[in-house]
Structure formats: C-alpha cells, structure tokens
C-alpha atoms as a PDB file:
ATOM      1  CA  MET A   1       0.000   0.000   0.000  1.00  0.00           C
ATOM      2  CA  PRO A   2       1.470   3.414  -0.928  1.00  0.00           C
ATOM      3  CA  ARG A   3       2.370   6.063   1.607  1.00  0.00           C
ATOM      4  CA  TYR A   4       1.068   9.580   1.125  1.00  0.00           C
ATOM      5  CA  PHE A   5       2.334  13.047   1.929  1.00  0.00           C
ATOM      6  CA  SER A   6       0.427  16.350   1.875  1.00  0.00           C
ATOM      7  CA  PHE A   7       1.367  19.983   2.294  1.00  0.00           C
ATOM      8  CA  ARG A   8      -1.424  22.065   3.832  1.00  0.00           C
ATOM      9  CA  PHE A   9      -1.059  25.819   3.739  1.00  0.00           C
ATOM     10  CA  ASP A  10      -3.561  27.973   5.654  1.00  0.00           C
ATOM     11  CA  VAL A  11      -4.179  31.257   3.823  1.00  0.00           C
ATOM     12  CA  ASP A  12      -5.268  33.853   6.350  1.00  0.00           C
ATOM     13  CA  THR A  13      -3.669  37.203   5.386  1.00  0.00           C
ATOM     14  CA  HIS A  14      -3.435  39.320   2.246  1.00  0.00           C
ATOM     15  CA  ARG A  15       0.328  38.690   2.241  1.00  0.00           C
ATOM     16  CA  CYS A  16      -0.394  34.960   1.928  1.00  0.00           C
ATOM     17  CA  MET A  17      -2.451  35.533  -1.209  1.00  0.00           C
ATOM     18  CA  ALA A  18      -0.518  38.340  -2.861  1.00  0.00           C
ATOM     19  CA  ARG A  19       3.016  37.030  -2.351  1.00  0.00           C
ATOM     20  CA  GLY A  20       3.235  33.636  -0.695  1.00  0.00           C
ATOM     21  CA  VAL A  21       0.788  31.634  -2.811  1.00  0.00           C
ATOM     22  CA  PRO A  22       2.266  32.720  -6.201  1.00  0.00           C
ATOM     23  CA  ASN A  23       5.741  31.693  -5.044  1.00  0.00           C
ATOM     24  CA  LEU A  24       4.473  28.302  -3.889  1.00  0.00           C
ATOM     25  CA  LEU A  25       2.658  27.789  -7.210  1.00  0.00           C
ATOM     26  CA  GLU A  26       5.843  28.494  -9.143  1.00  0.00           C
ATOM     27  CA  LEU A  27       7.783  26.010  -7.024  1.00  0.00           C
ATOM     28  CA  ALA A  28       5.061  23.381  -7.354  1.00  0.00           C
ATOM     29  CA  ALA A  29       4.990  23.714 -11.133  1.00  0.00           C
ATOM     30  CA  ARG A  30       8.739  23.199 -11.297  1.00  0.00           C
ATOM     31  CA  LEU A  31       8.641  20.158  -8.999  1.00  0.00           C
ATOM     32  CA  ASP A  32       5.336  18.701 -10.250  1.00  0.00           C
ATOM     33  CA  ALA A  33       3.799  18.831  -6.760  1.00  0.00           C
ATOM     34  CA  ARG A  34       0.279  19.648  -5.593  1.00  0.00           C
ATOM     35  CA  TYR A  35      -0.772  21.263  -2.314  1.00  0.00           C
ATOM     36  CA  THR A  36      -3.896  21.991  -0.305  1.00  0.00           C
ATOM     37  CA  PHE A  37      -4.641  25.647   0.417  1.00  0.00           C
ATOM     38  CA  PHE A  38      -7.261  26.384   3.084  1.00  0.00           C
ATOM     39  CA  VAL A  39      -8.367  29.902   2.184  1.00  0.00           C
ATOM     40  CA  ASN A  40     -10.143  32.425   4.373  1.00  0.00           C
ATOM     41  CA  MET A  41     -12.323  34.529   2.093  1.00  0.00           C
ATOM     42  CA  GLY A  42     -13.023  37.226   4.668  1.00  0.00           C
ATOM     43  CA  ARG A  43     -10.841  39.556   6.691  1.00  0.00           C
ATOM     44  CA  ALA A  44      -7.822  38.538   8.733  1.00  0.00           C
ATOM     45  CA  VAL A  45      -8.063  40.927  11.643  1.00  0.00           C
ATOM     46  CA  SER A  46     -10.362  41.508  14.553  1.00  0.00           C
ATOM     47  CA  ARG A  47      -9.043  44.818  15.817  1.00  0.00           C
ATOM     48  CA  ARG A  48     -10.064  43.997  19.374  1.00  0.00           C
ATOM     49  CA  SER A  49      -7.488  41.213  19.547  1.00  0.00           C
ATOM     50  CA  PHE A  50      -4.859  42.293  17.024  1.00  0.00           C
ATOM     51  CA  ALA A  51      -3.134  44.921  19.141  1.00  0.00           C
ATOM     52  CA  ALA A  52      -2.409  42.424  21.895  1.00  0.00           C
ATOM     53  CA  LYS A  53      -0.329  40.332  19.461  1.00  0.00           C
ATOM     54  CA  PHE A  54       1.862  43.176  18.206  1.00  0.00           C
ATOM     55  CA  PHE A  55       5.246  42.183  19.588  1.00  0.00           C
ATOM     56  CA  ARG A  56       4.436  38.692  20.804  1.00  0.00           C
ATOM     57  CA  ALA A  57       7.141  36.241  19.730  1.00  0.00           C
ATOM     58  CA  THR A  58       6.296  33.463  22.181  1.00  0.00           C
ATOM     59  CA  ALA A  59       3.477  32.570  24.519  1.00  0.00           C
ATOM     60  CA  ASN A  60       2.558  29.858  26.974  1.00  0.00           C
ATOM     61  CA  GLY A  61       0.403  26.867  26.206  1.00  0.00           C
ATOM     62  CA  SER A  62      -2.499  25.818  28.342  1.00  0.00           C
ATOM     63  CA  ASN A  63      -0.190  23.599  30.406  1.00  0.00           C
ATOM     64  CA  GLY A  64       2.423  26.314  30.855  1.00  0.00           C
ATOM     65  CA  SER A  65       4.771  24.950  28.193  1.00  0.00           C
ATOM     66  CA  ARG A  66       6.391  27.346  25.773  1.00  0.00           C
ATOM     67  CA  VAL A  67       4.848  27.935  22.343  1.00  0.00           C
ATOM     68  CA  TYR A  68       7.562  28.633  19.780  1.00  0.00           C
ATOM     69  CA  SER A  69       6.294  31.044  17.133  1.00  0.00           C
ATOM     70  CA  LEU A  70       7.196  34.345  15.514  1.00  0.00           C
ATOM     71  CA  SER A  71       5.387  37.622  16.120  1.00  0.00           C
ATOM     72  CA  SER A  72       2.962  39.039  13.580  1.00  0.00           C
ATOM     73  CA  MET A  73       5.466  41.808  12.837  1.00  0.00           C
ATOM     74  CA  GLN A  74       8.239  39.285  12.194  1.00  0.00           C
ATOM     75  CA  LYS A  75       6.094  37.254   9.830  1.00  0.00           C
ATOM     76  CA  LEU A  76       4.359  40.063   7.961  1.00  0.00           C
ATOM     77  CA  GLY A  77       6.973  42.801   7.964  1.00  0.00           C
ATOM     78  CA  ARG A  78       6.146  46.388   8.869  1.00  0.00           C
ATOM     79  CA  ARG A  79       4.363  47.326   5.627  1.00  0.00           C
ATOM     80  CA  ASP A  80       2.098  44.287   5.444  1.00  0.00           C
ATOM     81  CA  TYR A  81       1.509  44.410   9.177  1.00  0.00           C
ATOM     82  CA  LEU A  82       0.194  47.973   8.881  1.00  0.00           C
ATOM     83  CA  THR A  83      -1.881  47.041   5.829  1.00  0.00           C
ATOM     84  CA  ALA A  84      -3.555  44.255   7.811  1.00  0.00           C
ATOM     85  CA  ALA A  85      -4.012  46.399  10.910  1.00  0.00           C
ATOM     86  CA  VAL A  86      -5.298  49.551   9.204  1.00  0.00           C
ATOM     87  CA  LEU A  87      -6.919  48.489   5.918  1.00  0.00           C
ATOM     88  CA  ASN A  88      -7.769  44.898   6.900  1.00  0.00           C
ATOM     89  CA  PRO A  89      -8.502  43.789   3.316  1.00  0.00           C
ATOM     90  CA  GLN A  90     -10.426  40.664   2.510  1.00  0.00           C
ATOM     91  CA  VAL A  91      -8.037  37.771   2.041  1.00  0.00           C
ATOM     92  CA  GLY A  92      -9.210  35.319  -0.622  1.00  0.00           C
ATOM     93  CA  ALA A  93     -12.012  37.471  -2.007  1.00  0.00           C
ATOM     94  CA  SER A  94      -9.492  40.149  -3.024  1.00  0.00           C
ATOM     95  CA  TYR A  95      -7.455  37.748  -5.163  1.00  0.00           C
ATOM     96  CA  ALA A  96      -9.902  35.814  -7.337  1.00  0.00           C
ATOM     97  CA  GLU A  97      -7.443  35.561 -10.223  1.00  0.00           C
ATOM     98  CA  ILE A  98      -4.823  33.877  -8.024  1.00  0.00           C
ATOM     99  CA  LEU A  99      -7.433  31.483  -6.646  1.00  0.00           C
ATOM    100  CA  ARG A 100      -8.401  30.447 -10.157  1.00  0.00           C
ATOM    101  CA  GLU A 101      -4.731  29.897 -10.964  1.00  0.00           C
ATOM    102  CA  VAL A 102      -4.390  27.674  -7.888  1.00  0.00           C
ATOM    103  CA  GLU A 103      -7.225  25.491  -9.127  1.00  0.00           C
ATOM    104  CA  GLU A 104      -6.096  25.489 -12.751  1.00  0.00           C
ATOM    105  CA  GLN A 105      -2.720  24.097 -11.675  1.00  0.00           C
ATOM    106  CA  GLY A 106      -4.343  21.132  -9.931  1.00  0.00           C
ATOM    107  CA  HIS A 107      -4.049  22.241  -6.316  1.00  0.00           C
ATOM    108  CA  GLU A 108      -6.880  21.950  -3.822  1.00  0.00           C
ATOM    109  CA  ILE A 109      -8.730  24.931  -2.372  1.00  0.00           C
ATOM    110  CA  GLY A 110     -10.441  24.279   0.950  1.00  0.00           C
ATOM    111  CA  LEU A 111     -12.429  26.726   3.053  1.00  0.00           C
ATOM    112  CA  HIS A 112     -10.820  28.260   6.158  1.00  0.00           C
ATOM    113  CA  GLY A 113     -13.526  29.856   8.288  1.00  0.00           C
ATOM    114  CA  GLY A 114     -15.956  32.589   7.308  1.00  0.00           C
ATOM    115  CA  ARG A 115     -16.164  36.364   7.381  1.00  0.00           C
ATOM    116  CA  ASN A 116     -13.324  37.031   9.844  1.00  0.00           C
ATOM    117  CA  HIS A 117     -10.420  34.714  10.646  1.00  0.00           C
ATOM    118  CA  ALA A 118      -9.534  36.229  14.020  1.00  0.00           C
ATOM    119  CA  ARG A 119     -13.106  36.192  15.329  1.00  0.00           C
ATOM    120  CA  TRP A 120     -13.472  32.506  14.474  1.00  0.00           C
ATOM    121  CA  GLN A 121     -10.121  31.753  16.079  1.00  0.00           C
ATOM    122  CA  SER A 122     -11.112  33.497  19.313  1.00  0.00           C
ATOM    123  CA  SER A 123     -14.697  32.274  19.683  1.00  0.00           C
ATOM    124  CA  GLY A 124     -15.779  29.976  16.831  1.00  0.00           C
ATOM    125  CA  ALA A 125     -15.654  26.849  18.980  1.00  0.00           C
ATOM    126  CA  HIS A 126     -18.572  28.254  20.993  1.00  0.00           C
ATOM    127  CA  TRP A 127     -20.768  29.402  18.113  1.00  0.00           C
ATOM    128  CA  SER A 128     -24.258  28.050  17.569  1.00  0.00           C
ATOM    129  CA  THR A 129     -25.163  25.891  14.596  1.00  0.00           C
ATOM    130  CA  SER A 130     -26.961  28.792  12.928  1.00  0.00           C
ATOM    131  CA  LYS A 131     -23.974  31.112  13.354  1.00  0.00           C
ATOM    132  CA  LEU A 132     -21.584  28.506  11.947  1.00  0.00           C
ATOM    133  CA  GLU A 133     -23.850  27.847   8.979  1.00  0.00           C
ATOM    134  CA  SER A 134     -24.114  31.566   8.239  1.00  0.00           C
ATOM    135  CA  GLU A 135     -20.325  31.981   8.277  1.00  0.00           C
ATOM    136  CA  ILE A 136     -19.610  28.925   6.138  1.00  0.00           C
ATOM    137  CA  VAL A 137     -22.314  29.668   3.569  1.00  0.00           C
ATOM    138  CA  TRP A 138     -20.880  33.168   3.263  1.00  0.00           C
ATOM    139  CA  GLY A 139     -17.448  31.652   2.546  1.00  0.00           C
ATOM    140  CA  LEU A 140     -18.878  29.231  -0.012  1.00  0.00           C
ATOM    141  CA  LYS A 141     -20.635  32.043  -1.854  1.00  0.00           C
ATOM    142  CA  ALA A 142     -17.415  34.083  -1.853  1.00  0.00           C
ATOM    143  CA  LEU A 143     -15.526  31.158  -3.412  1.00  0.00           C
ATOM    144  CA  GLU A 144     -18.269  30.747  -6.009  1.00  0.00           C
ATOM    145  CA  ALA A 145     -18.055  34.456  -6.839  1.00  0.00           C
ATOM    146  CA  ALA A 146     -14.294  34.047  -7.315  1.00  0.00           C
ATOM    147  CA  GLY A 147     -14.953  31.415  -9.969  1.00  0.00           C
ATOM    148  CA  VAL A 148     -13.537  28.329  -8.229  1.00  0.00           C
ATOM    149  CA  SER A 149     -15.090  24.959  -7.489  1.00  0.00           C
ATOM    150  CA  ARG A 150     -17.067  24.242  -4.351  1.00  0.00           C
ATOM    151  CA  PRO A 151     -14.608  22.893  -1.741  1.00  0.00           C
ATOM    152  CA  VAL A 152     -14.801  19.482  -0.100  1.00  0.00           C
ATOM    153  CA  GLY A 153     -12.410  20.279   2.763  1.00  0.00           C
ATOM    154  CA  PHE A 154     -12.656  22.630   5.730  1.00  0.00           C
ATOM    155  CA  ALA A 155     -10.175  23.791   8.376  1.00  0.00           C
ATOM    156  CA  SER A 156     -11.160  25.997  11.311  1.00  0.00           C
ATOM    157  CA  PRO A 157      -9.100  29.108  12.037  1.00  0.00           C
ATOM    158  CA  GLY A 158      -6.910  28.398  15.048  1.00  0.00           C
ATOM    159  CA  TRP A 159      -8.043  24.740  14.985  1.00  0.00           C
ATOM    160  CA  GLN A 160     -11.239  25.907  16.718  1.00  0.00           C
ATOM    161  CA  GLY A 161     -13.858  23.360  15.701  1.00  0.00           C
ATOM    162  CA  SER A 162     -16.775  21.860  17.599  1.00  0.00           C
ATOM    163  CA  ILE A 163     -19.426  19.167  17.427  1.00  0.00           C
ATOM    164  CA  ASN A 164     -21.818  21.802  16.049  1.00  0.00           C
ATOM    165  CA  LEU A 165     -19.385  22.381  13.198  1.00  0.00           C
ATOM    166  CA  VAL A 166     -19.341  18.703  12.241  1.00  0.00           C
ATOM    167  CA  GLY A 167     -23.096  18.641  11.713  1.00  0.00           C
ATOM    168  CA  VAL A 168     -23.055  21.852   9.680  1.00  0.00           C
ATOM    169  CA  LEU A 169     -20.275  20.612   7.403  1.00  0.00           C
ATOM    170  CA  GLU A 170     -22.104  17.358   6.784  1.00  0.00           C
ATOM    171  CA  GLU A 171     -25.317  19.200   5.925  1.00  0.00           C
ATOM    172  CA  LEU A 172     -23.398  21.386   3.471  1.00  0.00           C
ATOM    173  CA  GLY A 173     -21.811  18.404   1.749  1.00  0.00           C
ATOM    174  CA  PHE A 174     -18.186  18.644   2.863  1.00  0.00           C
ATOM    175  CA  LEU A 175     -16.064  15.497   2.635  1.00  0.00           C
ATOM    176  CA  TYR A 176     -13.569  16.171   5.399  1.00  0.00           C
ATOM    177  CA  LEU A 177     -12.502  18.377   8.307  1.00  0.00           C
ATOM    178  CA  ALA A 178      -8.820  19.043   9.078  1.00  0.00           C
ATOM    179  CA  ASP A 179      -8.873  20.252  12.699  1.00  0.00           C
ATOM    180  CA  ALA A 180      -7.162  17.342  14.484  1.00  0.00           C
ATOM    181  CA  HIS A 181      -3.459  17.918  15.143  1.00  0.00           C
ATOM    182  CA  GLY A 182      -0.616  16.544  17.202  1.00  0.00           C
ATOM    183  CA  VAL A 183       3.019  15.590  16.666  1.00  0.00           C
ATOM    184  CA  GLY A 184       3.116  12.339  14.707  1.00  0.00           C
ATOM    185  CA  LEU A 185      -0.680  12.043  14.574  1.00  0.00           C
ATOM    186  CA  GLU A 186      -1.867   9.876  11.651  1.00  0.00           C
ATOM    187  CA  ARG A 187      -5.626   9.882  11.397  1.00  0.00           C
ATOM    188  CA  VAL A 188      -7.967   9.743   8.422  1.00  0.00           C
ATOM    189  CA  ALA A 189     -11.272   8.329   9.633  1.00  0.00           C
ATOM    190  CA  PRO A 190     -14.966   9.093   9.957  1.00  0.00           C
ATOM    191  CA  TRP A 191     -15.476  11.634  12.712  1.00  0.00           C
ATOM    192  CA  GLY A 192     -17.692   9.162  14.563  1.00  0.00           C
ATOM    193  CA  ARG A 193     -19.874   6.119  14.018  1.00  0.00           C
ATOM    194  CA  LYS A 194     -22.905   8.297  13.309  1.00  0.00           C
ATOM    195  CA  HIS A 195     -21.068  10.697  11.022  1.00  0.00           C
ATOM    196  CA  SER A 196     -20.023  10.621   7.381  1.00  0.00           C
ATOM    197  CA  LEU A 197     -17.539  13.494   7.706  1.00  0.00           C
ATOM    198  CA  ILE A 198     -13.899  12.388   7.517  1.00  0.00           C
ATOM    199  CA  GLU A 199     -11.369  13.928   9.905  1.00  0.00           C
ATOM    200  CA  VAL A 200      -7.854  14.284   8.484  1.00  0.00           C
ATOM    201  CA  SER A 201      -5.138  14.926  11.047  1.00  0.00           C
ATOM    202  CA  THR A 202      -2.022  17.079  10.754  1.00  0.00           C
ATOM    203  CA  GLY A 203       1.063  15.527  12.334  1.00  0.00           C
ATOM    204  CA  ILE A 204       4.071  17.609  11.218  1.00  0.00           C
ATOM    205  CA  LEU A 205       3.783  21.003  12.873  1.00  0.00           C
ATOM    206  CA  GLY A 206       4.934  22.865  15.959  1.00  0.00           C
ATOM    207  CA  GLU A 207       3.462  21.827  19.277  1.00  0.00           C
ATOM    208  CA  PRO A 208       2.149  22.995  21.615  1.00  0.00           C
ATOM    209  CA  GLY A 209       0.030  25.598  19.920  1.00  0.00           C
ATOM    210  CA  GLY A 210      -0.477  24.124  16.450  1.00  0.00           C
ATOM    211  CA  VAL A 211       2.210  26.364  14.930  1.00  0.00           C
ATOM    212  CA  GLY A 212       3.356  26.230  11.300  1.00  0.00           C
ATOM    213  CA  TYR A 213       6.174  23.700  11.102  1.00  0.00           C
ATOM    214  CA  LEU A 214       8.852  25.858   9.454  1.00  0.00           C
ATOM    215  CA  GLU A 215       7.944  28.891  11.552  1.00  0.00           C
ATOM    216  CA  TYR A 216       8.197  26.773  14.693  1.00  0.00           C
ATOM    217  CA  MET A 217      11.595  25.361  13.758  1.00  0.00           C
ATOM    218  CA  ARG A 218      13.023  28.780  12.943  1.00  0.00           C
ATOM    219  CA  ALA A 219      11.608  30.253  16.167  1.00  0.00           C
ATOM    220  CA  ARG A 220      13.641  27.577  17.953  1.00  0.00           C
ATOM    221  CA  GLY A 221      16.736  28.935  16.229  1.00  0.00           C
ATOM    222  CA  LEU A 222      17.428  25.928  14.013  1.00  0.00           C
ATOM    223  CA  SER A 223      19.381  26.033  10.748  1.00  0.00           C
ATOM    224  CA  ALA A 224      18.101  24.766   7.401  1.00  0.00           C
ATOM    225  CA  GLU A 225      20.199  21.619   7.846  1.00  0.00           C
ATOM    226  CA  GLN A 226      18.723  20.991  11.277  1.00  0.00           C
ATOM    227  CA  VAL A 227      15.187  21.574  10.001  1.00  0.00           C
ATOM    228  CA  LEU A 228      15.690  19.022   7.239  1.00  0.00           C
ATOM    229  CA  ALA A 229      17.185  16.519   9.693  1.00  0.00           C
ATOM    230  CA  ASP A 230      14.175  16.917  11.983  1.00  0.00           C
ATOM    231  CA  PHE A 231      11.779  16.605   9.067  1.00  0.00           C
ATOM    232  CA  THR A 232      13.367  13.441   7.708  1.00  0.00           C
ATOM    233  CA  ALA A 233      13.335  11.908  11.199  1.00  0.00           C
ATOM    234  CA  ARG A 234       9.605  12.569  11.395  1.00  0.00           C
ATOM    235  CA  LEU A 235       9.104  11.052   7.947  1.00  0.00           C
ATOM    236  CA  ASP A 236      11.063   7.966   8.934  1.00  0.00           C
ATOM    237  CA  ALA A 237       8.759   7.536  11.955  1.00  0.00           C
ATOM    238  CA  THR A 238       5.664   7.777   9.731  1.00  0.00           C
ATOM    239  CA  ARG A 239       3.632   4.645   9.202  1.00  0.00           C
ATOM    240  CA  ASP A 240       1.088   5.491   6.518  1.00  0.00           C
ATOM    241  CA  PHE A 241       0.888   9.194   5.710  1.00  0.00           C
ATOM    242  CA  ALA A 242       2.152  12.595   6.807  1.00  0.00           C
ATOM    243  CA  VAL A 243       0.656  16.086   6.629  1.00  0.00           C
ATOM    244  CA  VAL A 244       2.835  19.166   7.160  1.00  0.00           C
ATOM    245  CA  TYR A 245       1.321  22.539   8.069  1.00  0.00           C
ATOM    246  CA  ASP A 246       2.444  26.124   7.456  1.00  0.00           C
ATOM    247  CA  HIS A 247       1.395  29.502   6.019  1.00  0.00           C
ATOM    248  CA  PRO A 248       2.228  30.984   2.604  1.00  0.00           C
ATOM    249  CA  PHE A 249       3.140  34.384   4.060  1.00  0.00           C
ATOM    250  CA  TYR A 250       6.084  32.746   5.811  1.00  0.00           C
ATOM    251  CA  ALA A 251       6.937  29.500   4.031  1.00  0.00           C
ATOM    252  CA  GLY A 252       6.192  30.926   0.589  1.00  0.00           C
ATOM    253  CA  LEU A 253       8.565  33.846   1.051  1.00  0.00           C
ATOM    254  CA  ARG A 254      11.372  32.596   3.271  1.00  0.00           C
ATOM    255  CA  GLU A 255      11.469  28.822   3.006  1.00  0.00           C
ATOM    256  CA  LEU A 256      11.164  27.876  -0.670  1.00  0.00           C
ATOM    257  CA  ALA A 257      14.560  26.178  -0.739  1.00  0.00           C
ATOM    258  CA  THR A 258      13.650  24.249   2.411  1.00  0.00           C
ATOM    259  CA  ILE A 259      10.328  23.146   0.918  1.00  0.00           C
ATOM    260  CA  GLU A 260      12.116  21.946  -2.221  1.00  0.00           C
ATOM    261  CA  ALA A 261      14.488  19.893  -0.062  1.00  0.00           C
ATOM    262  CA  MET A 262      11.520  18.514   1.898  1.00  0.00           C
ATOM    263  CA  ILE A 263       9.781  17.384  -1.288  1.00  0.00           C
ATOM    264  CA  GLY A 264      12.993  15.685  -2.364  1.00  0.00           C
ATOM    265  CA  ALA A 265      13.209  13.842   0.955  1.00  0.00           C
ATOM    266  CA  VAL A 266       9.564  12.802   0.699  1.00  0.00           C
ATOM    267  CA  ARG A 267      10.006  11.336  -2.765  1.00  0.00           C
ATOM    268  CA  ASP A 268      13.298   9.663  -1.870  1.00  0.00           C
ATOM    269  CA  ARG A 269      11.323   7.709   0.764  1.00  0.00           C
ATOM    270  CA  GLY A 270       8.653   6.607  -1.674  1.00  0.00           C
ATOM    271  CA  PHE A 271       5.807   8.886  -0.582  1.00  0.00           C
ATOM    272  CA  GLU A 272       3.239  10.081  -3.106  1.00  0.00           C
ATOM    273  CA  VAL A 273       2.599  13.834  -2.792  1.00  0.00           C
ATOM    274  CA  VAL A 274      -1.167  14.483  -2.954  1.00  0.00           C
ATOM    275  CA  PRO A 275      -3.696  17.118  -1.844  1.00  0.00           C
ATOM    276  CA  LEU A 276      -5.691  16.286   1.279  1.00  0.00           C
ATOM    277  CA  ARG A 277      -8.895  15.706  -0.691  1.00  0.00           C
ATOM    278  CA  GLU A 278      -7.303  12.657  -2.333  1.00  0.00           C
ATOM    279  CA  LEU A 279      -6.118  11.316   0.999  1.00  0.00           C
ATOM    280  CA  ALA A 280      -9.591  11.774   2.512  1.00  0.00           C
ATOM    281  CA  ALA A 281     -11.244  10.087  -0.461  1.00  0.00           C
ATOM    282  CA  VAL A 282      -9.184   6.889  -0.504  1.00  0.00           C
ATOM    283  CA  TRP A 283      -7.898   6.278   2.998  1.00  0.00           C
ATOM    284  CA  PRO A 284     -11.088   5.264   4.879  1.00  0.00           C
ATOM    285  CA  GLU A 285     -11.262   2.168   2.670  1.00  0.00           C
ATOM    286  CA  HIS A 286      -8.313   0.779   4.659  1.00  0.00           C
ATOM    287  CA  LEU A 287      -9.770   1.382   8.134  1.00  0.00           C
ATOM    288  CA  HIS A 288     -11.021  -1.106  10.702  1.00  0.00           C
ATOM    289  CA  GLU A 289     -13.848  -0.614  13.208  1.00  0.00           C
ATOM    290  CA  ASP A 290     -11.491   0.435  16.009  1.00  0.00           C
ATOM    291  CA  ASP A 291     -10.103   3.262  13.861  1.00  0.00           C
ATOM    292  CA  LEU A 292     -13.339   5.280  14.107  1.00  0.00           C
ATOM    293  CA  LEU A 293     -13.152   8.542  15.967  1.00  0.00           C
ATOM    294  CA  VAL A 294     -15.307   9.038  19.053  1.00  0.00           C
ATOM    295  CA  PRO A 295     -17.240  12.333  18.782  1.00  0.00           C
ATOM    296  CA  ARG A 296     -16.020  14.973  21.204  1.00  0.00           C
ATOM    297  CA  LEU A 297     -17.473  18.121  22.659  1.00  0.00           C
ATOM    298  CA  GLY A 298     -15.593  21.334  23.167  1.00  0.00           C
ATOM    299  CA  SER A 299     -13.162  23.508  21.269  1.00  0.00           C
ATOM    300  CA  GLY A 300     -10.557  22.695  18.688  1.00  0.00           C
ATOM    301  CA  GLY A 301      -6.966  21.705  19.102  1.00  0.00           C
ATOM    302  CA  SER A 302      -5.248  18.366  19.304  1.00  0.00           C
ATOM    303  CA  THR A 303      -7.870  15.620  19.387  1.00  0.00           C
ATOM    304  CA  PRO A 304      -7.470  13.689  22.662  1.00  0.00           C
ATOM    305  CA  GLN A 305      -9.549  10.671  21.708  1.00  0.00           C
ATOM    306  CA  ALA A 306      -7.662  10.237  18.437  1.00  0.00           C
ATOM    307  CA  GLU A 307      -4.386  10.236  20.327  1.00  0.00           C
ATOM    308  CA  THR A 308      -5.503   7.216  22.353  1.00  0.00           C
ATOM    309  CA  HIS A 309      -5.618   5.075  19.212  1.00  0.00           C
ATOM    310  CA  LEU A 310      -1.942   4.186  19.146  1.00  0.00           C
ATOM    311  CA  SER A 311      -2.328   2.199  15.952  1.00  0.00           C
ATOM    312  CA  ARG A 312      -2.396   5.511  14.090  1.00  0.00           C
ATOM    313  CA  CYS A 313      -0.882   7.959  16.550  1.00  0.00           C
ATOM    314  CA  LEU A 314       2.907   7.899  16.706  1.00  0.00           C
ATOM    315  CA  LEU A 315       4.016  10.372  19.354  1.00  0.00           C
ATOM    316  CA  VAL A 316       7.448  11.242  18.008  1.00  0.00           C
ATOM    317  CA  ALA A 317       9.892  13.018  20.273  1.00  0.00           C
ATOM    318  CA  ASN A 318      11.682  15.970  18.656  1.00  0.00           C
ATOM    319  CA  PRO A 319      14.999  14.502  17.517  1.00  0.00           C
ATOM    320  CA  ILE A 320      16.820  17.826  17.679  1.00  0.00           C
ATOM    321  CA  PRO A 321      17.394  19.582  21.034  1.00  0.00           C
ATOM    322  CA  MET A 322      16.041  23.081  21.522  1.00  0.00           C
ATOM    323  CA  HIS A 323      18.390  26.018  21.342  1.00  0.00           C
END
C-alpha cells in the first residue's frame, strides 16, 4: 500500500495571497507537486485582539509549556503588518485571479472559516449551529463568486472546531474536516460512528500551539540543515501518511529552498505527494472498526480521543534539542 504526503497551507492574510501563494505555485509547477490551500475569504483581523499580538514572539500553552512562534510583525513585515491592521482587506475574495490559478494548476482549495479569521479563532468553537452555517455559507458564496469549485475540505481558524461544526459541514456536503493535530498524529477516519464526515489529522507542525512547522523550527533557532534533519526523522517515523502545516506568508517567502528539499526527501522515501482531498477520499477504505473517531465536545486543538488510538498515533519526540 502506498504512503502519502500532503502539504497544507492555511491562507489567512493578504500577504499569503498576494506574495506567498504565487511563489508556492511556481515552485510546485517546477517540482510537479500539488498542495492543499485552506483559504479564508473574509478579513484577517479583529481589531479587538490584534493589538495584543503586536510584539508577541512566544506565549505559553495551556499547560504552561512554551509555544515557539514568531510575532505578527516578524512574519508580515512592517508594511504588510500595517496594511492588515489599518486596511484589513479581505483575504481570498481580493485575489480571485490567483485562486483560479491555484485550481487550474491542480491544487486543492479548501475553506478556512468565514467572514473574519480572528473572530473565528477566538470564539468559533462556541458558536451556535446557525452562526456557523451563516459563516460557512458566506465563505462558499465568496468562493463561487471568485470562480472556483465548491470545496470538499474545511479547516477551522486556530483549529477551533466543535461538534456543532461537524453537523453543519455534513449538511453542506463537505467530505472532510482538518482540525485534528498533534506531533506524529496519523488519522484519516470518519469523525464518529454516526457521522459521514472524515477527519484528516495534521502531524508535522509545531506543538504545543499548532504552529506552522517551518515557523516553529526557525523560532527555535534551528538552521536549514537541522530543520531538514528533523523533518526526515519525522518522515522515517511515519507509518502510513504525513501532513505538514504552514502559512504561505512565511513558508512561501522565506522557506522555498527548504520546501524543495523537503519534497525531495519525501520522494526519496517513496511517498506520493497528494492534496488532502485525495487522501480523505481513498484512505477510509483501509480502516477497521477500532479506527473510528469518538465524537467529542468542546473547542478545537489536538484531538485527545484520536491520540488514544496508538495504531495511528505515533508520538514522536523531537529529535533535535532546543536552542
């Protein structure tokens, strides 16, 4: 049985769309690779919360452990930071031509929240079914207006999903949800025995906090050689498939050479590089009864019940010490 590898890029700022995505498309065309882009069609910023993040480079997780990430200013740069803070343009809806190019080149476009990324990230896990439906339908109509196909995949901003969300996505005809995350987590399975929605996990990222993988590694002060060594160690610990997570505004501007090396390592190990929609469509055929997810209540983040199924959850220790 083949092993699969997917890049998922969450598109949640204008810098992602205007600069990061075109760079990633150019690299993909040269390497004959396809990605999944989860695109927020609304605005990136909720001004009530944005100011508090201005110079934040690190924070603490819920258990007091350090979250390694870069500040918004470090990732966006001064000009794009001010554009987001002051003008707060719509993200995907402002770049319909680029979205159509993404689809024309064979990449997947999934939906990433609704009208406002930051508001979903801060409170979406507690929204009612009607509120969630309103936000998602708005995003679907915005994608339709941009001239791209209706998406089959959804990812919540900030990993903030809920049991209400699962029902809404099923009613709207989505194939899969990509909110489960954890180091080494390998999970593609129905969300529960009473649900048709597939949950696809992300296992190569920065934890705690669900941080973009390359951003996380650089925030730890690691070199390109060390990043690649860590990445290949994670690949070598992979049983069936691997999903790596990052953002175009960072990875698509600063880490193109690293991504090219990662794709080379993936192919050297016999992985097939596919968008998440293909993984979600074929993988459940290989599952057994005990692979089904148990429905959970509460907010997003790493999925505790999935992590108890050790047959598909490989908790890989970071092979490189922190600096």
